[in-house]
Amino acid sequence: MRKTHLIILGLMAILCSSCYSYKVYPKEYRKLENDNPKRSAYVMNDTLKKELEILTSSELFEVISDSTKADLKVKLYPIKQNLVCGQPLTISMLTVGQLPVFLPDRYFYQFDEIENGKLTEHKLELKITQRVWFWDMFAFNKKFEEKAGKAVLGEYQASGK
């Protein structure tokens, strides 16, 4: 009997922890669109797939594969993440996922723009929160890269560059 309870508790923990979604803050960034004309950009290190997908999702530039036709070159850096304490997940498990829990991780996205030999560094702090909630099991848009792209666009425009 005790073994059955442990198995059920383990399955519920797995189920509750797989119900997540991402939220971008401030809220204004969620519906933000790029109204500026897109410049073509050649990404020098396109082996960073996650960072490249974030840049593409931000719609800041039109990413092209020919460096001779690009307005500028972009050098990406690996995204850095500072994790927060996972203690709130205990509350979510005790309430069987009915109480939403927010995990406000800190992400740092960095890239360089190189245009006509001039280097411009961009270091952006992305405010993206992961929400763990049972009902997020039915949320279909769970792609981190799309949410991070919105945050990059918002931070880029807020910096005035």
C-alpha atoms as a PDB file:
ATOM      1  CA  MET A   1       0.000   0.000   0.000  1.00  0.00           C
ATOM      2  CA  ARG A   2       2.775   2.392   0.910  1.00  0.00           C
ATOM      3  CA  LYS A   3       4.605   1.677  -2.342  1.00  0.00           C
ATOM      4  CA  THR A   4       1.442   2.523  -4.321  1.00  0.00           C
ATOM      5  CA  HIS A   5       1.186   5.888  -2.568  1.00  0.00           C
ATOM      6  CA  LEU A   6       4.791   6.695  -3.415  1.00  0.00           C
ATOM      7  CA  ILE A   7       4.249   5.755  -7.053  1.00  0.00           C
ATOM      8  CA  ILE A   8       1.108   7.908  -7.250  1.00  0.00           C
ATOM      9  CA  LEU A   9       2.894  10.804  -5.556  1.00  0.00           C
ATOM     10  CA  GLY A  10       5.813  10.458  -7.992  1.00  0.00           C
ATOM     11  CA  LEU A  11       3.496  10.393 -11.024  1.00  0.00           C
ATOM     12  CA  MET A  12       1.618  13.453  -9.767  1.00  0.00           C
ATOM     13  CA  ALA A  13       4.900  15.306  -9.246  1.00  0.00           C
ATOM     14  CA  ILE A  14       5.962  14.513 -12.817  1.00  0.00           C
ATOM     15  CA  LEU A  15       2.550  15.552 -14.171  1.00  0.00           C
ATOM     16  CA  CYS A  16       2.482  18.806 -12.238  1.00  0.00           C
ATOM     17  CA  SER A  17       6.025  19.769 -13.173  1.00  0.00           C
ATOM     18  CA  SER A  18       5.350  19.246 -16.888  1.00  0.00           C
ATOM     19  CA  CYS A  19       2.530  21.788 -16.910  1.00  0.00           C
ATOM     20  CA  TYR A  20       4.345  25.025 -17.649  1.00  0.00           C
ATOM     21  CA  SER A  21       4.238  28.148 -19.764  1.00  0.00           C
ATOM     22  CA  TYR A  22       6.415  31.233 -20.171  1.00  0.00           C
ATOM     23  CA  LYS A  23       5.409  34.834 -19.541  1.00  0.00           C
ATOM     24  CA  VAL A  24       7.302  37.921 -20.694  1.00  0.00           C
ATOM     25  CA  TYR A  25       7.495  41.009 -18.487  1.00  0.00           C
ATOM     26  CA  PRO A  26       6.659  43.869 -18.702  1.00  0.00           C
ATOM     27  CA  LYS A  27       3.299  42.906 -20.154  1.00  0.00           C
ATOM     28  CA  GLU A  28       3.613  45.492 -22.932  1.00  0.00           C
ATOM     29  CA  TYR A  29       6.329  43.369 -24.550  1.00  0.00           C
ATOM     30  CA  ARG A  30       3.952  40.448 -25.112  1.00  0.00           C
ATOM     31  CA  LYS A  31       2.080  42.113 -27.989  1.00  0.00           C
ATOM     32  CA  LEU A  32       4.983  44.204 -29.243  1.00  0.00           C
ATOM     33  CA  GLU A  33       5.605  44.347 -32.996  1.00  0.00           C
ATOM     34  CA  ASN A  34       8.642  45.712 -34.815  1.00  0.00           C
ATOM     35  CA  ASP A  35       7.483  48.732 -36.819  1.00  0.00           C
ATOM     36  CA  ASN A  36      10.982  49.714 -37.929  1.00  0.00           C
ATOM     37  CA  PRO A  37      12.251  48.535 -41.312  1.00  0.00           C
ATOM     38  CA  LYS A  38      14.190  45.303 -40.949  1.00  0.00           C
ATOM     39  CA  ARG A  39      17.831  45.455 -41.880  1.00  0.00           C
ATOM     40  CA  SER A  40      19.410  42.357 -43.349  1.00  0.00           C
ATOM     41  CA  ALA A  41      21.927  40.687 -41.081  1.00  0.00           C
ATOM     42  CA  TYR A  42      24.445  37.923 -41.518  1.00  0.00           C
ATOM     43  CA  VAL A  43      24.975  35.869 -38.357  1.00  0.00           C
ATOM     44  CA  MET A  44      28.669  35.086 -38.048  1.00  0.00           C
ATOM     45  CA  ASN A  45      28.291  32.160 -35.630  1.00  0.00           C
ATOM     46  CA  ASP A  46      25.051  30.443 -36.595  1.00  0.00           C
ATOM     47  CA  THR A  47      26.043  27.307 -34.663  1.00  0.00           C
ATOM     48  CA  LEU A  48      24.326  28.764 -31.575  1.00  0.00           C
ATOM     49  CA  LYS A  49      20.922  27.425 -32.624  1.00  0.00           C
ATOM     50  CA  LYS A  50      18.909  28.553 -29.589  1.00  0.00           C
ATOM     51  CA  GLU A  51      20.320  32.084 -29.698  1.00  0.00           C
ATOM     52  CA  LEU A  52      19.781  32.259 -33.469  1.00  0.00           C
ATOM     53  CA  GLU A  53      16.152  31.203 -33.076  1.00  0.00           C
ATOM     54  CA  ILE A  54      15.666  33.889 -30.407  1.00  0.00           C
ATOM     55  CA  LEU A  55      17.151  36.534 -32.734  1.00  0.00           C
ATOM     56  CA  THR A  56      14.928  35.347 -35.599  1.00  0.00           C
ATOM     57  CA  SER A  57      11.841  35.388 -33.348  1.00  0.00           C
ATOM     58  CA  SER A  58      12.621  38.945 -32.261  1.00  0.00           C
ATOM     59  CA  GLU A  59      12.131  40.141 -35.863  1.00  0.00           C
ATOM     60  CA  LEU A  60      14.827  42.780 -35.382  1.00  0.00           C
ATOM     61  CA  PHE A  61      16.678  41.691 -38.501  1.00  0.00           C
ATOM     62  CA  GLU A  62      16.104  39.682 -41.616  1.00  0.00           C
ATOM     63  CA  VAL A  63      18.674  36.923 -41.199  1.00  0.00           C
ATOM     64  CA  ILE A  64      20.346  36.021 -44.478  1.00  0.00           C
ATOM     65  CA  SER A  65      23.038  33.493 -45.347  1.00  0.00           C
ATOM     66  CA  ASP A  66      25.095  35.653 -47.753  1.00  0.00           C
ATOM     67  CA  SER A  67      27.455  38.023 -45.942  1.00  0.00           C
ATOM     68  CA  THR A  68      28.055  40.147 -49.057  1.00  0.00           C
ATOM     69  CA  LYS A  69      24.395  41.186 -49.271  1.00  0.00           C
ATOM     70  CA  ALA A  70      23.948  41.944 -45.562  1.00  0.00           C
ATOM     71  CA  ASP A  71      23.584  45.454 -44.141  1.00  0.00           C
ATOM     72  CA  LEU A  72      25.385  44.344 -40.999  1.00  0.00           C
ATOM     73  CA  LYS A  73      26.921  41.336 -39.284  1.00  0.00           C
ATOM     74  CA  VAL A  74      25.776  39.919 -35.968  1.00  0.00           C
ATOM     75  CA  LYS A  75      27.883  37.953 -33.526  1.00  0.00           C
ATOM     76  CA  LEU A  76      25.882  35.956 -30.982  1.00  0.00           C
ATOM     77  CA  TYR A  77      26.968  34.865 -27.511  1.00  0.00           C
ATOM     78  CA  PRO A  78      25.560  31.954 -25.488  1.00  0.00           C
ATOM     79  CA  ILE A  79      22.521  32.905 -23.425  1.00  0.00           C
ATOM     80  CA  LYS A  80      23.146  32.949 -19.689  1.00  0.00           C
ATOM     81  CA  GLN A  81      20.563  31.923 -17.137  1.00  0.00           C
ATOM     82  CA  ASN A  82      20.454  32.520 -13.388  1.00  0.00           C
ATOM     83  CA  LEU A  83      18.066  30.068 -11.771  1.00  0.00           C
ATOM     84  CA  VAL A  84      15.842  30.867  -8.819  1.00  0.00           C
ATOM     85  CA  CYS A  85      14.997  28.592  -5.951  1.00  0.00           C
ATOM     86  CA  GLY A  86      12.638  25.751  -6.881  1.00  0.00           C
ATOM     87  CA  GLN A  87      11.020  25.688  -3.452  1.00  0.00           C
ATOM     88  CA  PRO A  88       7.650  27.006  -4.730  1.00  0.00           C
ATOM     89  CA  LEU A  89       7.278  23.760  -6.689  1.00  0.00           C
ATOM     90  CA  THR A  90       6.579  22.049  -3.359  1.00  0.00           C
ATOM     91  CA  ILE A  91       3.441  24.170  -2.992  1.00  0.00           C
ATOM     92  CA  SER A  92       2.372  23.251  -6.510  1.00  0.00           C
ATOM     93  CA  MET A  93       2.792  19.553  -5.769  1.00  0.00           C
ATOM     94  CA  LEU A  94       0.909  19.794  -2.471  1.00  0.00           C
ATOM     95  CA  THR A  95      -2.022  21.518  -4.190  1.00  0.00           C
ATOM     96  CA  VAL A  96      -1.886  19.077  -7.140  1.00  0.00           C
ATOM     97  CA  GLY A  97      -0.985  21.918  -9.477  1.00  0.00           C
ATOM     98  CA  GLN A  98      -4.089  24.001  -8.721  1.00  0.00           C
ATOM     99  CA  LEU A  99      -2.049  26.883  -7.339  1.00  0.00           C
ATOM    100  CA  PRO A 100       0.106  28.546 -10.019  1.00  0.00           C
ATOM    101  CA  VAL A 101       3.752  28.993  -9.145  1.00  0.00           C
ATOM    102  CA  PHE A 102       6.022  31.540 -10.802  1.00  0.00           C
ATOM    103  CA  LEU A 103       9.757  30.979 -11.253  1.00  0.00           C
ATOM    104  CA  PRO A 104      11.303  34.313 -12.330  1.00  0.00           C
ATOM    105  CA  ASP A 105      14.593  33.128 -13.825  1.00  0.00           C
ATOM    106  CA  ARG A 106      17.001  35.779 -15.120  1.00  0.00           C
ATOM    107  CA  TYR A 107      18.285  35.460 -18.669  1.00  0.00           C
ATOM    108  CA  PHE A 108      21.063  37.502 -20.234  1.00  0.00           C
ATOM    109  CA  TYR A 109      21.134  37.709 -24.030  1.00  0.00           C
ATOM    110  CA  GLN A 110      24.134  39.284 -25.703  1.00  0.00           C
ATOM    111  CA  PHE A 111      25.027  40.046 -29.304  1.00  0.00           C
ATOM    112  CA  ASP A 112      27.241  42.425 -31.248  1.00  0.00           C
ATOM    113  CA  GLU A 113      26.245  44.416 -34.320  1.00  0.00           C
ATOM    114  CA  ILE A 114      29.076  45.092 -36.736  1.00  0.00           C
ATOM    115  CA  GLU A 115      28.183  47.712 -39.335  1.00  0.00           C
ATOM    116  CA  ASN A 116      30.807  49.370 -41.561  1.00  0.00           C
ATOM    117  CA  GLY A 117      33.549  48.329 -39.115  1.00  0.00           C
ATOM    118  CA  LYS A 118      31.731  49.882 -36.139  1.00  0.00           C
ATOM    119  CA  LEU A 119      31.022  47.486 -33.277  1.00  0.00           C
ATOM    120  CA  THR A 120      27.903  47.964 -31.122  1.00  0.00           C
ATOM    121  CA  GLU A 121      27.494  45.676 -28.114  1.00  0.00           C
ATOM    122  CA  HIS A 122      24.046  44.736 -26.836  1.00  0.00           C
ATOM    123  CA  LYS A 123      23.650  43.136 -23.398  1.00  0.00           C
ATOM    124  CA  LEU A 124      19.989  42.594 -22.630  1.00  0.00           C
ATOM    125  CA  GLU A 125      18.387  41.253 -19.472  1.00  0.00           C
ATOM    126  CA  LEU A 126      15.293  39.279 -20.416  1.00  0.00           C
ATOM    127  CA  LYS A 127      12.494  39.190 -17.886  1.00  0.00           C
ATOM    128  CA  ILE A 128      10.855  35.837 -18.560  1.00  0.00           C
ATOM    129  CA  THR A 129       8.959  33.934 -15.894  1.00  0.00           C
ATOM    130  CA  GLN A 130       8.134  30.263 -16.056  1.00  0.00           C
ATOM    131  CA  ARG A 131       4.696  29.520 -14.647  1.00  0.00           C
ATOM    132  CA  VAL A 132       3.979  26.007 -13.395  1.00  0.00           C
ATOM    133  CA  TRP A 133       0.265  25.297 -13.168  1.00  0.00           C
ATOM    134  CA  PHE A 134      -1.885  22.243 -13.886  1.00  0.00           C
ATOM    135  CA  TRP A 135      -4.039  24.082 -16.440  1.00  0.00           C
ATOM    136  CA  ASP A 136      -1.001  25.068 -18.474  1.00  0.00           C
ATOM    137  CA  MET A 137      -1.006  21.470 -19.637  1.00  0.00           C
ATOM    138  CA  PHE A 138      -3.519  22.710 -22.222  1.00  0.00           C
ATOM    139  CA  ALA A 139      -1.423  25.712 -23.300  1.00  0.00           C
ATOM    140  CA  PHE A 140       0.062  25.106 -26.728  1.00  0.00           C
ATOM    141  CA  ASN A 141       2.486  28.008 -27.118  1.00  0.00           C
ATOM    142  CA  LYS A 142       5.298  26.869 -24.829  1.00  0.00           C
ATOM    143  CA  LYS A 143       8.291  27.806 -26.961  1.00  0.00           C
ATOM    144  CA  PHE A 144      10.860  29.623 -24.878  1.00  0.00           C
ATOM    145  CA  GLU A 145      12.589  31.022 -27.956  1.00  0.00           C
ATOM    146  CA  GLU A 146       9.450  32.854 -29.150  1.00  0.00           C
ATOM    147  CA  LYS A 147       8.893  34.451 -25.735  1.00  0.00           C
ATOM    148  CA  ALA A 148      12.573  35.357 -25.475  1.00  0.00           C
ATOM    149  CA  GLY A 149      12.366  36.942 -28.944  1.00  0.00           C
ATOM    150  CA  LYS A 150       9.580  39.252 -27.736  1.00  0.00           C
ATOM    151  CA  ALA A 151      11.667  40.177 -24.697  1.00  0.00           C
ATOM    152  CA  VAL A 152      14.720  40.882 -26.910  1.00  0.00           C
ATOM    153  CA  LEU A 153      12.633  43.115 -29.176  1.00  0.00           C
ATOM    154  CA  GLY A 154      11.215  45.018 -26.201  1.00  0.00           C
ATOM    155  CA  GLU A 155      14.585  45.497 -24.495  1.00  0.00           C
ATOM    156  CA  TYR A 156      16.246  46.491 -27.780  1.00  0.00           C
ATOM    157  CA  GLN A 157      13.599  49.135 -28.481  1.00  0.00           C
ATOM    158  CA  ALA A 158      13.634  50.325 -24.864  1.00  0.00           C
ATOM    159  CA  SER A 159      17.390  50.868 -25.046  1.00  0.00           C
ATOM    160  CA  GLY A 160      16.789  53.193 -28.010  1.00  0.00           C
ATOM    161  CA  LYS A 161      19.142  51.503 -30.419  1.00  0.00           C
END
